[in-house]
Amino acid sequence: MSNITDKIMNRVIEWQNRSLNHCYPFIFVDLN
């Protein structure tokens, strides 16, 4: 389980470090 958590956390950190322009498409996808 910890390996899965580590992978997810790495992706979350990468996502948080992206600029806002890259986040908008993900927000729109979540709203649909």
N, C-alpha and C. Protein backbone atom coordinates (compact mmCIF):
# COMPACT_ATOMS: atom_id res chain seq x y z
N MET A 1 0.82 -1.20 0.00
CA MET A 1 0.00 0.00 0.00
C MET A 1 0.86 1.26 0.00
N SER A 2 1.96 1.23 0.71
CA SER A 2 2.79 2.43 0.79
C SER A 2 3.38 2.78 -0.57
N ASN A 3 3.68 1.76 -1.39
CA ASN A 3 4.20 2.03 -2.73
C ASN A 3 3.17 2.77 -3.58
N ILE A 4 1.93 2.36 -3.48
CA ILE A 4 0.85 3.02 -4.23
C ILE A 4 0.70 4.46 -3.73
N THR A 5 0.72 4.63 -2.43
CA THR A 5 0.59 5.97 -1.85
C THR A 5 1.73 6.86 -2.30
N ASP A 6 2.94 6.33 -2.34
CA ASP A 6 4.09 7.12 -2.78
C ASP A 6 3.91 7.57 -4.22
N LYS A 7 3.43 6.69 -5.08
CA LYS A 7 3.22 7.05 -6.48
C LYS A 7 2.17 8.13 -6.61
N ILE A 8 1.09 7.98 -5.87
CA ILE A 8 0.01 8.97 -5.92
C ILE A 8 0.52 10.32 -5.40
N MET A 9 1.24 10.31 -4.30
CA MET A 9 1.75 11.56 -3.73
C MET A 9 2.69 12.25 -4.69
N ASN A 10 3.52 11.48 -5.39
CA ASN A 10 4.43 12.09 -6.37
C ASN A 10 3.64 12.78 -7.47
N ARG A 11 2.58 12.15 -7.93
CA ARG A 11 1.76 12.76 -8.98
C ARG A 11 1.05 13.99 -8.45
N VAL A 12 0.56 13.93 -7.23
CA VAL A 12 -0.12 15.09 -6.63
C VAL A 12 0.85 16.26 -6.52
N ILE A 13 2.06 16.00 -6.07
CA ILE A 13 3.06 17.06 -5.94
C ILE A 13 3.39 17.64 -7.30
N GLU A 14 3.54 16.80 -8.31
CA GLU A 14 3.81 17.29 -9.66
C GLU A 14 2.66 18.16 -10.14
N TRP A 15 1.44 17.73 -9.88
CA TRP A 15 0.26 18.48 -10.32
C TRP A 15 0.20 19.83 -9.62
N GLN A 16 0.50 19.85 -8.34
CA GLN A 16 0.46 21.10 -7.58
C GLN A 16 1.54 22.07 -8.04
N ASN A 17 2.65 21.56 -8.55
CA ASN A 17 3.76 22.41 -8.96
C ASN A 17 3.60 22.95 -10.38
N ARG A 18 2.58 22.49 -11.10
CA ARG A 18 2.36 22.98 -12.46
C ARG A 18 1.80 24.39 -12.42
N SER A 19 1.97 25.10 -13.52
CA SER A 19 1.41 26.44 -13.61
C SER A 19 -0.11 26.35 -13.76
N LEU A 20 -0.80 27.44 -13.49
CA LEU A 20 -2.26 27.44 -13.55
C LEU A 20 -2.79 27.10 -14.94
N ASN A 21 -2.08 27.51 -15.97
CA ASN A 21 -2.54 27.25 -17.33
C ASN A 21 -2.69 25.75 -17.58
N HIS A 22 -1.87 24.95 -16.95
CA HIS A 22 -1.95 23.51 -17.14
C HIS A 22 -3.06 22.90 -16.28
N CYS A 23 -3.46 23.58 -15.25
CA CYS A 23 -4.48 23.05 -14.35
C CYS A 23 -5.88 23.23 -14.91
N TYR A 24 -6.12 24.26 -15.69
CA TYR A 24 -7.47 24.54 -16.17
C TYR A 24 -8.11 23.36 -16.90
N PRO A 25 -7.40 22.70 -17.83
CA PRO A 25 -8.05 21.57 -18.51
C PRO A 25 -8.50 20.48 -17.53
N PHE A 26 -7.75 20.25 -16.48
CA PHE A 26 -8.13 19.23 -15.51
C PHE A 26 -9.38 19.66 -14.74
N ILE A 27 -9.47 20.95 -14.44
CA ILE A 27 -10.65 21.46 -13.74
C ILE A 27 -11.88 21.30 -14.62
N PHE A 28 -11.76 21.65 -15.91
CA PHE A 28 -12.89 21.51 -16.82
C PHE A 28 -13.31 20.06 -16.96
N VAL A 29 -12.35 19.16 -17.02
CA VAL A 29 -12.65 17.74 -17.15
C VAL A 29 -13.40 17.26 -15.90
N ASP A 30 -13.00 17.75 -14.72
CA ASP A 30 -13.65 17.34 -13.49
C ASP A 30 -15.09 17.85 -13.42
N LEU A 31 -15.36 19.00 -14.00
CA LEU A 31 -16.70 19.57 -13.94
C LEU A 31 -17.68 18.86 -14.86
N ASN A 32 -17.18 18.19 -15.87
CA ASN A 32 -18.09 17.54 -16.82
C ASN A 32 -18.58 16.23 -16.33
